[in-house]
């Protein structure tokens, strides 16, 4: 019943947001703004979108403005802002000092702050019906992820979040491969660097969990976790008997997927690249229709938060329904507190 209620709420959100018209484009080109100049994504994404040779949806979007942001208590954020701001200025991007000014200068938003904790506050500040892409980690907690979607519903703001690896060629080919037959299960792996202000998998594990969900789809019921000094193994049991797992590696830097089916096995290694993700972001900016459903995004972050809970409980299998129910209560309290201010 919990999952049914949650899916119903998400369906209402999807319908209300999908009815919002696409962002207004001046002279046929959407002005894109960046929030958070503390990640290499701001340079990589700007170079792809603003490439004079860009075609398709990318040709209809141009990054024009940025708000620096930055988290003083997070070195990986604070130490990068000045350098990336300088690079953006050199590319002709206008830098503004407030989110109020920022919101007036763009048609669509790339919320890029490398720290997920300020995402909810930043989202609230600019949620005005313009499409917003929220980069990973979507927030600093599952409760904040749910709160972002609630604010999106209230303001009729189209929004989604995903890892770029979801749209890599190899992941998409695996997800739609006819060689598999009926999908029986999947394993993904990748580097697992962690940041103490976030749940363990939010920071970099998302790049392994997102492909897992891209291939497996929704329906995970329980999550368990085992840790050693070399890796973390997170295993999910899906409602139809399938098993999906993510292996976070503490050494090396390689992404891989292996999918098992009734007709065969499909494997890919060395997965990387932003091109597919940027294409989907720009399509979303034009249409206002997210390529990833809200309920799937919430389940992905519940999966990762459940991995932390399993670790706290010594590897015990943790029901995702309990994790989502707890986060929904926290999100309701957060939205109520924000509305009272």
C-alpha atoms as a PDB file:
ATOM      1  CA  UNK A   1       0.000   0.000   0.000  1.00  0.00           C
ATOM      2  CA  UNK A   2       2.852   2.380   0.807  1.00  0.00           C
ATOM      3  CA  UNK A   3       4.422   1.926  -2.622  1.00  0.00           C
ATOM      4  CA  UNK A   4       1.007   2.268  -4.292  1.00  0.00           C
ATOM      5  CA  UNK A   5       0.318   5.533  -2.471  1.00  0.00           C
ATOM      6  CA  UNK A   6       3.759   6.838  -3.328  1.00  0.00           C
ATOM      7  CA  UNK A   7       3.408   5.938  -7.022  1.00  0.00           C
ATOM      8  CA  UNK A   8      -0.006   7.656  -7.091  1.00  0.00           C
ATOM      9  CA  UNK A   9       1.465  10.864  -5.684  1.00  0.00           C
ATOM     10  CA  UNK A  10       4.344  10.703  -8.188  1.00  0.00           C
ATOM     11  CA  UNK A  11       1.854  10.193 -11.019  1.00  0.00           C
ATOM     12  CA  UNK A  12       0.023  13.351  -9.982  1.00  0.00           C
ATOM     13  CA  UNK A  13       3.328  15.237  -9.955  1.00  0.00           C
ATOM     14  CA  UNK A  14       4.230  13.923 -13.416  1.00  0.00           C
ATOM     15  CA  UNK A  15       0.862  14.936 -14.848  1.00  0.00           C
ATOM     16  CA  UNK A  16       0.925  18.404 -13.330  1.00  0.00           C
ATOM     17  CA  UNK A  17       4.488  19.123 -14.460  1.00  0.00           C
ATOM     18  CA  UNK A  18       4.094  17.568 -17.911  1.00  0.00           C
ATOM     19  CA  UNK A  19       1.291  20.047 -18.597  1.00  0.00           C
ATOM     20  CA  UNK A  20       3.691  22.987 -18.203  1.00  0.00           C
ATOM     21  CA  UNK A  21       4.700  24.526 -21.552  1.00  0.00           C
ATOM     22  CA  UNK A  22       8.317  24.291 -22.623  1.00  0.00           C
ATOM     23  CA  UNK A  23      10.596  27.156 -21.620  1.00  0.00           C
ATOM     24  CA  UNK A  24      10.331  30.353 -23.616  1.00  0.00           C
ATOM     25  CA  UNK A  25      13.120  30.709 -26.152  1.00  0.00           C
ATOM     26  CA  UNK A  26      14.220  34.116 -27.405  1.00  0.00           C
ATOM     27  CA  UNK A  27      15.204  33.985 -31.070  1.00  0.00           C
ATOM     28  CA  UNK A  28      14.758  30.203 -30.914  1.00  0.00           C
ATOM     29  CA  UNK A  29      17.604  29.677 -28.431  1.00  0.00           C
ATOM     30  CA  UNK A  30      17.081  28.893 -24.748  1.00  0.00           C
ATOM     31  CA  UNK A  31      19.359  30.741 -22.330  1.00  0.00           C
ATOM     32  CA  UNK A  32      20.749  28.184 -19.890  1.00  0.00           C
ATOM     33  CA  UNK A  33      22.071  29.188 -16.477  1.00  0.00           C
ATOM     34  CA  UNK A  34      24.456  27.257 -14.218  1.00  0.00           C
ATOM     35  CA  UNK A  35      24.126  27.193 -10.432  1.00  0.00           C
ATOM     36  CA  UNK A  36      27.341  26.096  -8.730  1.00  0.00           C
ATOM     37  CA  UNK A  37      30.756  26.617 -10.327  1.00  0.00           C
ATOM     38  CA  UNK A  38      32.506  23.949  -8.256  1.00  0.00           C
ATOM     39  CA  UNK A  39      32.534  20.898 -10.529  1.00  0.00           C
ATOM     40  CA  UNK A  40      34.276  20.012 -13.784  1.00  0.00           C
ATOM     41  CA  UNK A  41      30.813  19.407 -15.230  1.00  0.00           C
ATOM     42  CA  UNK A  42      30.259  23.151 -15.640  1.00  0.00           C
ATOM     43  CA  UNK A  43      33.134  23.380 -18.114  1.00  0.00           C
ATOM     44  CA  UNK A  44      32.447  20.082 -19.893  1.00  0.00           C
ATOM     45  CA  UNK A  45      28.721  20.793 -20.234  1.00  0.00           C
ATOM     46  CA  UNK A  46      29.274  24.374 -21.384  1.00  0.00           C
ATOM     47  CA  UNK A  47      31.764  23.266 -24.033  1.00  0.00           C
ATOM     48  CA  UNK A  48      29.324  20.693 -25.415  1.00  0.00           C
ATOM     49  CA  UNK A  49      26.259  22.935 -25.364  1.00  0.00           C
ATOM     50  CA  UNK A  50      27.990  26.059 -26.672  1.00  0.00           C
ATOM     51  CA  UNK A  51      29.934  24.276 -29.383  1.00  0.00           C
ATOM     52  CA  UNK A  52      29.310  26.270 -32.608  1.00  0.00           C
ATOM     53  CA  UNK A  53      29.042  22.961 -34.454  1.00  0.00           C
ATOM     54  CA  UNK A  54      26.392  21.556 -32.101  1.00  0.00           C
ATOM     55  CA  UNK A  55      23.346  20.072 -33.795  1.00  0.00           C
ATOM     56  CA  UNK A  56      19.893  18.894 -32.759  1.00  0.00           C
ATOM     57  CA  UNK A  57      18.621  19.950 -29.346  1.00  0.00           C
ATOM     58  CA  UNK A  58      22.063  21.257 -28.329  1.00  0.00           C
ATOM     59  CA  UNK A  59      21.905  23.875 -31.068  1.00  0.00           C
ATOM     60  CA  UNK A  60      18.776  25.327 -29.457  1.00  0.00           C
ATOM     61  CA  UNK A  61      20.385  25.921 -26.034  1.00  0.00           C
ATOM     62  CA  UNK A  62      23.206  28.254 -25.005  1.00  0.00           C
ATOM     63  CA  UNK A  63      24.834  28.614 -21.575  1.00  0.00           C
ATOM     64  CA  UNK A  64      24.864  32.361 -20.883  1.00  0.00           C
ATOM     65  CA  UNK A  65      24.971  32.937 -17.113  1.00  0.00           C
ATOM     66  CA  UNK A  66      26.286  31.323 -13.934  1.00  0.00           C
ATOM     67  CA  UNK A  67      26.010  31.743 -10.164  1.00  0.00           C
ATOM     68  CA  UNK A  68      29.245  30.638  -8.376  1.00  0.00           C
ATOM     69  CA  UNK A  69      27.829  29.101  -5.182  1.00  0.00           C
ATOM     70  CA  UNK A  70      30.278  26.897  -3.314  1.00  0.00           C
ATOM     71  CA  UNK A  71      30.403  25.162   0.097  1.00  0.00           C
ATOM     72  CA  UNK A  72      33.050  26.538   2.514  1.00  0.00           C
ATOM     73  CA  UNK A  73      33.100  23.319   4.588  1.00  0.00           C
ATOM     74  CA  UNK A  74      33.733  21.091   1.572  1.00  0.00           C
ATOM     75  CA  UNK A  75      37.248  21.450   0.079  1.00  0.00           C
ATOM     76  CA  UNK A  76      36.223  19.721  -3.162  1.00  0.00           C
ATOM     77  CA  UNK A  77      33.801  22.618  -3.610  1.00  0.00           C
ATOM     78  CA  UNK A  78      35.478  25.656  -2.078  1.00  0.00           C
ATOM     79  CA  UNK A  79      38.837  25.044  -3.761  1.00  0.00           C
ATOM     80  CA  UNK A  80      37.340  24.892  -7.252  1.00  0.00           C
ATOM     81  CA  UNK A  81      34.994  27.862  -7.506  1.00  0.00           C
ATOM     82  CA  UNK A  82      37.491  30.593  -8.421  1.00  0.00           C
ATOM     83  CA  UNK A  83      39.163  28.518 -11.124  1.00  0.00           C
ATOM     84  CA  UNK A  84      35.935  27.465 -12.827  1.00  0.00           C
ATOM     85  CA  UNK A  85      34.476  30.980 -12.572  1.00  0.00           C
ATOM     86  CA  UNK A  86      37.574  32.301 -14.320  1.00  0.00           C
ATOM     87  CA  UNK A  87      37.229  29.710 -17.104  1.00  0.00           C
ATOM     88  CA  UNK A  88      33.533  30.498 -17.580  1.00  0.00           C
ATOM     89  CA  UNK A  89      34.227  34.234 -17.784  1.00  0.00           C
ATOM     90  CA  UNK A  90      36.833  33.551 -20.441  1.00  0.00           C
ATOM     91  CA  UNK A  91      34.133  31.698 -22.393  1.00  0.00           C
ATOM     92  CA  UNK A  92      31.896  34.760 -22.269  1.00  0.00           C
ATOM     93  CA  UNK A  93      29.555  33.520 -19.530  1.00  0.00           C
ATOM     94  CA  UNK A  94      28.060  36.246 -17.318  1.00  0.00           C
ATOM     95  CA  UNK A  95      28.680  35.695 -13.595  1.00  0.00           C
ATOM     96  CA  UNK A  96      26.029  36.988 -11.178  1.00  0.00           C
ATOM     97  CA  UNK A  97      26.081  37.384  -7.399  1.00  0.00           C
ATOM     98  CA  UNK A  98      22.532  36.391  -6.477  1.00  0.00           C
ATOM     99  CA  UNK A  99      20.032  33.700  -7.372  1.00  0.00           C
ATOM    100  CA  UNK A 100      17.349  36.391  -7.753  1.00  0.00           C
ATOM    101  CA  UNK A 101      19.331  38.023 -10.549  1.00  0.00           C
ATOM    102  CA  UNK A 102      20.237  34.610 -11.937  1.00  0.00           C
ATOM    103  CA  UNK A 103      16.573  33.634 -12.290  1.00  0.00           C
ATOM    104  CA  UNK A 104      15.912  36.692 -14.454  1.00  0.00           C
ATOM    105  CA  UNK A 105      18.834  35.943 -16.770  1.00  0.00           C
ATOM    106  CA  UNK A 106      17.944  32.428 -17.976  1.00  0.00           C
ATOM    107  CA  UNK A 107      15.166  30.289 -19.430  1.00  0.00           C
ATOM    108  CA  UNK A 108      16.388  26.903 -18.162  1.00  0.00           C
ATOM    109  CA  UNK A 109      18.656  25.813 -15.309  1.00  0.00           C
ATOM    110  CA  UNK A 110      21.565  23.443 -14.768  1.00  0.00           C
ATOM    111  CA  UNK A 111      21.817  23.011 -10.980  1.00  0.00           C
ATOM    112  CA  UNK A 112      25.423  21.831 -10.828  1.00  0.00           C
ATOM    113  CA  UNK A 113      26.605  22.432  -7.238  1.00  0.00           C
ATOM    114  CA  UNK A 114      28.918  19.496  -6.472  1.00  0.00           C
ATOM    115  CA  UNK A 115      27.585  19.450  -2.897  1.00  0.00           C
ATOM    116  CA  UNK A 116      24.099  17.969  -2.773  1.00  0.00           C
ATOM    117  CA  UNK A 117      23.188  19.608   0.541  1.00  0.00           C
ATOM    118  CA  UNK A 118      22.356  23.104  -0.802  1.00  0.00           C
ATOM    119  CA  UNK A 119      20.356  21.776  -3.759  1.00  0.00           C
ATOM    120  CA  UNK A 120      16.960  22.005  -2.056  1.00  0.00           C
ATOM    121  CA  UNK A 121      17.528  25.613  -0.954  1.00  0.00           C
ATOM    122  CA  UNK A 122      18.902  26.575  -4.371  1.00  0.00           C
ATOM    123  CA  UNK A 123      16.019  24.821  -6.112  1.00  0.00           C
ATOM    124  CA  UNK A 124      13.473  26.679  -3.986  1.00  0.00           C
ATOM    125  CA  UNK A 125      15.117  29.973  -4.917  1.00  0.00           C
ATOM    126  CA  UNK A 126      14.743  29.477  -8.687  1.00  0.00           C
ATOM    127  CA  UNK A 127      11.732  27.143  -9.052  1.00  0.00           C
ATOM    128  CA  UNK A 128       9.496  29.344 -11.176  1.00  0.00           C
ATOM    129  CA  UNK A 129       8.221  26.963 -13.842  1.00  0.00           C
ATOM    130  CA  UNK A 130      11.443  26.881 -15.870  1.00  0.00           C
ATOM    131  CA  UNK A 131      12.888  23.379 -16.526  1.00  0.00           C
ATOM    132  CA  UNK A 132      15.668  22.492 -14.067  1.00  0.00           C
ATOM    133  CA  UNK A 133      18.199  19.689 -14.354  1.00  0.00           C
ATOM    134  CA  UNK A 134      19.695  18.740 -10.978  1.00  0.00           C
ATOM    135  CA  UNK A 135      23.105  17.109 -11.269  1.00  0.00           C
ATOM    136  CA  UNK A 136      24.301  14.351  -8.973  1.00  0.00           C
ATOM    137  CA  UNK A 137      23.996  13.980  -6.081  1.00  0.00           C
ATOM    138  CA  UNK A 138      20.390  15.186  -6.372  1.00  0.00           C
ATOM    139  CA  UNK A 139      20.485  16.256  -2.724  1.00  0.00           C
ATOM    140  CA  UNK A 140      22.124  15.472   0.596  1.00  0.00           C
ATOM    141  CA  UNK A 141      19.370  13.065   1.683  1.00  0.00           C
ATOM    142  CA  UNK A 142      16.411  11.158   0.295  1.00  0.00           C
ATOM    143  CA  UNK A 143      14.102  13.478   2.264  1.00  0.00           C
ATOM    144  CA  UNK A 144      15.537  16.465   0.407  1.00  0.00           C
ATOM    145  CA  UNK A 145      15.108  14.677  -2.943  1.00  0.00           C
ATOM    146  CA  UNK A 146      11.424  14.182  -2.154  1.00  0.00           C
ATOM    147  CA  UNK A 147      11.167  17.801  -0.976  1.00  0.00           C
ATOM    148  CA  UNK A 148      12.565  19.013  -4.308  1.00  0.00           C
ATOM    149  CA  UNK A 149       9.799  17.157  -6.116  1.00  0.00           C
ATOM    150  CA  UNK A 150       7.177  18.624  -3.774  1.00  0.00           C
ATOM    151  CA  UNK A 151       8.435  22.139  -4.463  1.00  0.00           C
ATOM    152  CA  UNK A 152       8.424  21.278  -8.170  1.00  0.00           C
ATOM    153  CA  UNK A 153       4.774  20.278  -7.935  1.00  0.00           C
ATOM    154  CA  UNK A 154       3.812  23.434  -6.051  1.00  0.00           C
ATOM    155  CA  UNK A 155       5.600  25.703  -8.547  1.00  0.00           C
ATOM    156  CA  UNK A 156       4.835  23.660 -11.691  1.00  0.00           C
ATOM    157  CA  UNK A 157       8.557  23.354 -12.367  1.00  0.00           C
ATOM    158  CA  UNK A 158       9.725  20.457 -14.595  1.00  0.00           C
ATOM    159  CA  UNK A 159      12.724  18.744 -12.986  1.00  0.00           C
ATOM    160  CA  UNK A 160      14.768  15.575 -13.020  1.00  0.00           C
ATOM    161  CA  UNK A 161      18.171  14.318 -11.911  1.00  0.00           C
ATOM    162  CA  UNK A 162      20.447  11.574 -13.189  1.00  0.00           C
ATOM    163  CA  UNK A 163      24.001  10.392 -13.514  1.00  0.00           C
ATOM    164  CA  UNK A 164      25.481  10.921 -16.972  1.00  0.00           C
ATOM    165  CA  UNK A 165      26.215   7.171 -17.159  1.00  0.00           C
ATOM    166  CA  UNK A 166      22.508   6.385 -17.552  1.00  0.00           C
ATOM    167  CA  UNK A 167      22.657   7.711 -21.104  1.00  0.00           C
ATOM    168  CA  UNK A 168      26.005   6.250 -22.145  1.00  0.00           C
ATOM    169  CA  UNK A 169      25.811   4.136 -25.291  1.00  0.00           C
ATOM    170  CA  UNK A 170      26.881   0.911 -23.574  1.00  0.00           C
ATOM    171  CA  UNK A 171      24.307   1.222 -20.784  1.00  0.00           C
ATOM    172  CA  UNK A 172      21.483   2.008 -23.190  1.00  0.00           C
ATOM    173  CA  UNK A 173      22.482  -0.873 -25.471  1.00  0.00           C
ATOM    174  CA  UNK A 174      22.453  -3.272 -22.522  1.00  0.00           C
ATOM    175  CA  UNK A 175      19.086  -2.012 -21.301  1.00  0.00           C
ATOM    176  CA  UNK A 176      17.532  -2.651 -24.723  1.00  0.00           C
ATOM    177  CA  UNK A 177      19.547  -5.672 -25.853  1.00  0.00           C
ATOM    178  CA  UNK A 178      17.634  -8.457 -27.591  1.00  0.00           C
ATOM    179  CA  UNK A 179      20.565 -10.800 -26.912  1.00  0.00           C
ATOM    180  CA  UNK A 180      19.504 -11.103 -23.275  1.00  0.00           C
ATOM    181  CA  UNK A 181      16.048 -12.502 -23.743  1.00  0.00           C
ATOM    182  CA  UNK A 182      14.258 -12.222 -20.395  1.00  0.00           C
ATOM    183  CA  UNK A 183      16.389 -10.212 -17.954  1.00  0.00           C
ATOM    184  CA  UNK A 184      17.344 -12.268 -14.914  1.00  0.00           C
ATOM    185  CA  UNK A 185      19.671  -9.880 -13.109  1.00  0.00           C
ATOM    186  CA  UNK A 186      22.461  -7.340 -13.389  1.00  0.00           C
ATOM    187  CA  UNK A 187      25.754  -6.364 -11.786  1.00  0.00           C
ATOM    188  CA  UNK A 188      27.410  -2.961 -12.052  1.00  0.00           C
ATOM    189  CA  UNK A 189      30.714  -1.732 -10.670  1.00  0.00           C
ATOM    190  CA  UNK A 190      32.653   1.492 -10.380  1.00  0.00           C
ATOM    191  CA  UNK A 191      34.877   3.597  -8.122  1.00  0.00           C
ATOM    192  CA  UNK A 192      33.415   4.410  -4.704  1.00  0.00           C
ATOM    193  CA  UNK A 193      34.838   7.625  -3.334  1.00  0.00           C
ATOM    194  CA  UNK A 194      32.796   8.943  -0.407  1.00  0.00           C
ATOM    195  CA  UNK A 195      32.163  12.322   1.211  1.00  0.00           C
ATOM    196  CA  UNK A 196      31.290  12.447   4.942  1.00  0.00           C
ATOM    197  CA  UNK A 197      28.413  14.937   4.567  1.00  0.00           C
ATOM    198  CA  UNK A 198      26.502  12.574   2.247  1.00  0.00           C
ATOM    199  CA  UNK A 199      25.270   8.969   2.396  1.00  0.00           C
ATOM    200  CA  UNK A 200      28.125   6.769   1.153  1.00  0.00           C
ATOM    201  CA  UNK A 201      26.798   5.999  -2.328  1.00  0.00           C
ATOM    202  CA  UNK A 202      25.399   9.474  -3.099  1.00  0.00           C
ATOM    203  CA  UNK A 203      28.786  11.010  -3.880  1.00  0.00           C
ATOM    204  CA  UNK A 204      30.117   8.603  -6.521  1.00  0.00           C
ATOM    205  CA  UNK A 205      28.236   5.345  -6.125  1.00  0.00           C
ATOM    206  CA  UNK A 206      25.364   6.960  -8.031  1.00  0.00           C
ATOM    207  CA  UNK A 207      27.370   6.323 -11.214  1.00  0.00           C
ATOM    208  CA  UNK A 208      27.033   2.588 -10.601  1.00  0.00           C
ATOM    209  CA  UNK A 209      23.528   2.518  -9.132  1.00  0.00           C
ATOM    210  CA  UNK A 210      21.996   4.593 -11.932  1.00  0.00           C
ATOM    211  CA  UNK A 211      23.076   2.155 -14.696  1.00  0.00           C
ATOM    212  CA  UNK A 212      21.816  -0.687 -12.494  1.00  0.00           C
ATOM    213  CA  UNK A 213      18.355   0.885 -12.442  1.00  0.00           C
ATOM    214  CA  UNK A 214      18.521   1.813 -16.111  1.00  0.00           C
ATOM    215  CA  UNK A 215      18.856  -1.897 -16.887  1.00  0.00           C
ATOM    216  CA  UNK A 216      16.808  -3.449 -14.070  1.00  0.00           C
ATOM    217  CA  UNK A 217      14.016  -0.895 -13.812  1.00  0.00           C
ATOM    218  CA  UNK A 218      12.066  -0.217 -10.630  1.00  0.00           C
ATOM    219  CA  UNK A 219      10.801  -2.784  -8.154  1.00  0.00           C
ATOM    220  CA  UNK A 220      13.616  -3.337  -5.649  1.00  0.00           C
ATOM    221  CA  UNK A 221      12.192  -4.475  -2.319  1.00  0.00           C
ATOM    222  CA  UNK A 222      15.190  -4.966  -0.009  1.00  0.00           C
ATOM    223  CA  UNK A 223      18.847  -3.910   0.075  1.00  0.00           C
ATOM    224  CA  UNK A 224      21.768  -5.459   1.940  1.00  0.00           C
ATOM    225  CA  UNK A 225      25.414  -4.425   2.095  1.00  0.00           C
ATOM    226  CA  UNK A 226      28.799  -6.014   2.773  1.00  0.00           C
ATOM    227  CA  UNK A 227      32.012  -3.991   3.201  1.00  0.00           C
ATOM    228  CA  UNK A 228      35.726  -4.761   3.173  1.00  0.00           C
ATOM    229  CA  UNK A 229      38.777  -2.526   2.846  1.00  0.00           C
ATOM    230  CA  UNK A 230      38.712  -3.133  -0.928  1.00  0.00           C
ATOM    231  CA  UNK A 231      35.054  -2.735  -1.839  1.00  0.00           C
ATOM    232  CA  UNK A 232      31.408  -2.414  -0.858  1.00  0.00           C
ATOM    233  CA  UNK A 233      28.874  -4.851  -2.300  1.00  0.00           C
ATOM    234  CA  UNK A 234      25.259  -3.664  -2.276  1.00  0.00           C
ATOM    235  CA  UNK A 235      22.664  -6.266  -3.271  1.00  0.00           C
ATOM    236  CA  UNK A 236      19.041  -5.532  -4.103  1.00  0.00           C
ATOM    237  CA  UNK A 237      16.261  -8.103  -4.345  1.00  0.00           C
ATOM    238  CA  UNK A 238      13.577  -7.157  -6.868  1.00  0.00           C
ATOM    239  CA  UNK A 239       9.925  -8.144  -6.423  1.00  0.00           C
ATOM    240  CA  UNK A 240       9.961 -10.538  -9.397  1.00  0.00           C
ATOM    241  CA  UNK A 241      12.858 -12.638  -8.083  1.00  0.00           C
ATOM    242  CA  UNK A 242      15.631 -10.805  -9.918  1.00  0.00           C
ATOM    243  CA  UNK A 243      18.790  -9.732  -8.107  1.00  0.00           C
ATOM    244  CA  UNK A 244      20.713  -6.579  -8.928  1.00  0.00           C
ATOM    245  CA  UNK A 245      24.007  -5.580  -7.348  1.00  0.00           C
ATOM    246  CA  UNK A 246      26.472  -2.714  -7.266  1.00  0.00           C
ATOM    247  CA  UNK A 247      30.143  -3.250  -6.377  1.00  0.00           C
ATOM    248  CA  UNK A 248      31.852  -0.047  -5.229  1.00  0.00           C
ATOM    249  CA  UNK A 249      35.610  -0.330  -5.725  1.00  0.00           C
ATOM    250  CA  UNK A 250      37.977   1.529  -3.399  1.00  0.00           C
ATOM    251  CA  UNK A 251      40.897   1.060  -5.794  1.00  0.00           C
ATOM    252  CA  UNK A 252      41.016   1.718  -9.530  1.00  0.00           C
ATOM    253  CA  UNK A 253      38.733   3.766 -11.767  1.00  0.00           C
ATOM    254  CA  UNK A 254      36.677   1.546 -14.058  1.00  0.00           C
ATOM    255  CA  UNK A 255      32.959   1.335 -14.706  1.00  0.00           C
ATOM    256  CA  UNK A 256      31.370  -1.897 -15.914  1.00  0.00           C
ATOM    257  CA  UNK A 257      27.980  -3.578 -16.346  1.00  0.00           C
ATOM    258  CA  UNK A 258      27.039  -7.240 -16.726  1.00  0.00           C
ATOM    259  CA  UNK A 259      23.452  -8.238 -17.460  1.00  0.00           C
ATOM    260  CA  UNK A 260      22.175 -11.815 -17.316  1.00  0.00           C
ATOM    261  CA  UNK A 261      19.291 -13.093 -19.426  1.00  0.00           C
ATOM    262  CA  UNK A 262      17.622 -16.294 -20.527  1.00  0.00           C
ATOM    263  CA  UNK A 263      19.319 -16.069 -23.943  1.00  0.00           C
ATOM    264  CA  UNK A 264      22.743 -14.745 -23.001  1.00  0.00           C
ATOM    265  CA  UNK A 265      24.985 -12.388 -21.059  1.00  0.00           C
ATOM    266  CA  UNK A 266      25.910  -8.844 -22.080  1.00  0.00           C
ATOM    267  CA  UNK A 267      29.016  -7.151 -20.669  1.00  0.00           C
ATOM    268  CA  UNK A 268      30.548  -3.711 -21.114  1.00  0.00           C
ATOM    269  CA  UNK A 269      33.546  -2.064 -19.445  1.00  0.00           C
ATOM    270  CA  UNK A 270      35.157   1.354 -19.691  1.00  0.00           C
ATOM    271  CA  UNK A 271      31.829   3.194 -19.711  1.00  0.00           C
ATOM    272  CA  UNK A 272      32.110   6.985 -19.802  1.00  0.00           C
ATOM    273  CA  UNK A 273      31.084  10.189 -21.580  1.00  0.00           C
ATOM    274  CA  UNK A 274      28.695  13.143 -21.240  1.00  0.00           C
ATOM    275  CA  UNK A 275      27.341  13.427 -24.789  1.00  0.00           C
ATOM    276  CA  UNK A 276      24.233  11.278 -24.324  1.00  0.00           C
ATOM    277  CA  UNK A 277      23.339  12.972 -21.050  1.00  0.00           C
ATOM    278  CA  UNK A 278      23.684  16.469 -22.494  1.00  0.00           C
ATOM    279  CA  UNK A 279      21.503  15.517 -25.459  1.00  0.00           C
ATOM    280  CA  UNK A 280      18.756  14.379 -23.071  1.00  0.00           C
ATOM    281  CA  UNK A 281      19.109  17.488 -20.895  1.00  0.00           C
ATOM    282  CA  UNK A 282      18.676  19.788 -23.889  1.00  0.00           C
ATOM    283  CA  UNK A 283      15.686  17.789 -25.156  1.00  0.00           C
ATOM    284  CA  UNK A 284      14.167  18.150 -21.690  1.00  0.00           C
ATOM    285  CA  UNK A 285      14.814  21.889 -21.710  1.00  0.00           C
ATOM    286  CA  UNK A 286      12.908  22.194 -24.980  1.00  0.00           C
ATOM    287  CA  UNK A 287       9.985  19.926 -24.098  1.00  0.00           C
ATOM    288  CA  UNK A 288       9.672  20.237 -20.332  1.00  0.00           C
ATOM    289  CA  UNK A 289       9.246  16.445 -20.197  1.00  0.00           C
ATOM    290  CA  UNK A 290      11.774  14.657 -17.918  1.00  0.00           C
ATOM    291  CA  UNK A 291      13.446  11.548 -19.391  1.00  0.00           C
ATOM    292  CA  UNK A 292      13.543   9.862 -15.960  1.00  0.00           C
ATOM    293  CA  UNK A 293      10.413   9.387 -13.860  1.00  0.00           C
ATOM    294  CA  UNK A 294      10.320  10.895 -10.388  1.00  0.00           C
ATOM    295  CA  UNK A 295       9.365   7.640  -8.733  1.00  0.00           C
ATOM    296  CA  UNK A 296      12.449   5.981 -10.229  1.00  0.00           C
ATOM    297  CA  UNK A 297      14.728   8.779  -9.037  1.00  0.00           C
ATOM    298  CA  UNK A 298      13.298   8.460  -5.536  1.00  0.00           C
ATOM    299  CA  UNK A 299      13.753   4.683  -5.557  1.00  0.00           C
ATOM    300  CA  UNK A 300      17.370   5.058  -6.697  1.00  0.00           C
ATOM    301  CA  UNK A 301      18.143   7.352  -3.777  1.00  0.00           C
ATOM    302  CA  UNK A 302      16.192   5.087  -1.419  1.00  0.00           C
ATOM    303  CA  UNK A 303      18.356   2.179  -2.624  1.00  0.00           C
ATOM    304  CA  UNK A 304      21.503   4.150  -1.774  1.00  0.00           C
ATOM    305  CA  UNK A 305      20.184   5.347   1.588  1.00  0.00           C
ATOM    306  CA  UNK A 306      19.103   1.792   2.416  1.00  0.00           C
ATOM    307  CA  UNK A 307      22.702   0.688   1.782  1.00  0.00           C
ATOM    308  CA  UNK A 308      23.820   2.968   4.624  1.00  0.00           C
ATOM    309  CA  UNK A 309      21.061   1.621   6.865  1.00  0.00           C
ATOM    310  CA  UNK A 310      22.108  -1.951   6.096  1.00  0.00           C
ATOM    311  CA  UNK A 311      25.697  -1.051   6.984  1.00  0.00           C
ATOM    312  CA  UNK A 312      24.522   0.360  10.324  1.00  0.00           C
ATOM    313  CA  UNK A 313      22.610  -2.873  10.951  1.00  0.00           C
ATOM    314  CA  UNK A 314      25.564  -5.129  10.177  1.00  0.00           C
ATOM    315  CA  UNK A 315      24.494  -6.131   6.663  1.00  0.00           C
ATOM    316  CA  UNK A 316      20.838  -6.846   7.419  1.00  0.00           C
ATOM    317  CA  UNK A 317      18.400  -6.644   4.484  1.00  0.00           C
ATOM    318  CA  UNK A 318      16.550  -3.324   4.687  1.00  0.00           C
ATOM    319  CA  UNK A 319      13.085  -2.837   3.088  1.00  0.00           C
ATOM    320  CA  UNK A 320      13.001   0.134   0.721  1.00  0.00           C
ATOM    321  CA  UNK A 321       9.412   0.852   1.723  1.00  0.00           C
ATOM    322  CA  UNK A 322      10.562   1.713   5.245  1.00  0.00           C
ATOM    323  CA  UNK A 323      13.286   4.021   3.942  1.00  0.00           C
ATOM    324  CA  UNK A 324      10.839   5.866   1.656  1.00  0.00           C
ATOM    325  CA  UNK A 325       8.173   6.167   4.366  1.00  0.00           C
ATOM    326  CA  UNK A 326      10.666   7.678   6.806  1.00  0.00           C
ATOM    327  CA  UNK A 327      11.964  10.122   4.177  1.00  0.00           C
ATOM    328  CA  UNK A 328       8.435  11.185   3.177  1.00  0.00           C
ATOM    329  CA  UNK A 329       7.693  12.158   6.778  1.00  0.00           C
ATOM    330  CA  UNK A 330      10.939  14.124   6.964  1.00  0.00           C
ATOM    331  CA  UNK A 331      10.184  15.829   3.657  1.00  0.00           C
ATOM    332  CA  UNK A 332       6.670  16.800   4.788  1.00  0.00           C
ATOM    333  CA  UNK A 333       8.126  18.385   7.901  1.00  0.00           C
ATOM    334  CA  UNK A 334      10.756  20.212   5.823  1.00  0.00           C
ATOM    335  CA  UNK A 335       8.231  21.640   3.369  1.00  0.00           C
ATOM    336  CA  UNK A 336       5.930  22.677   6.234  1.00  0.00           C
ATOM    337  CA  UNK A 337       8.798  24.401   8.043  1.00  0.00           C
ATOM    338  CA  UNK A 338       9.832  26.239   4.873  1.00  0.00           C
ATOM    339  CA  UNK A 339       6.263  27.401   4.304  1.00  0.00           C
ATOM    340  CA  UNK A 340       6.022  28.744   7.859  1.00  0.00           C
ATOM    341  CA  UNK A 341       9.002  31.059   7.376  1.00  0.00           C
END
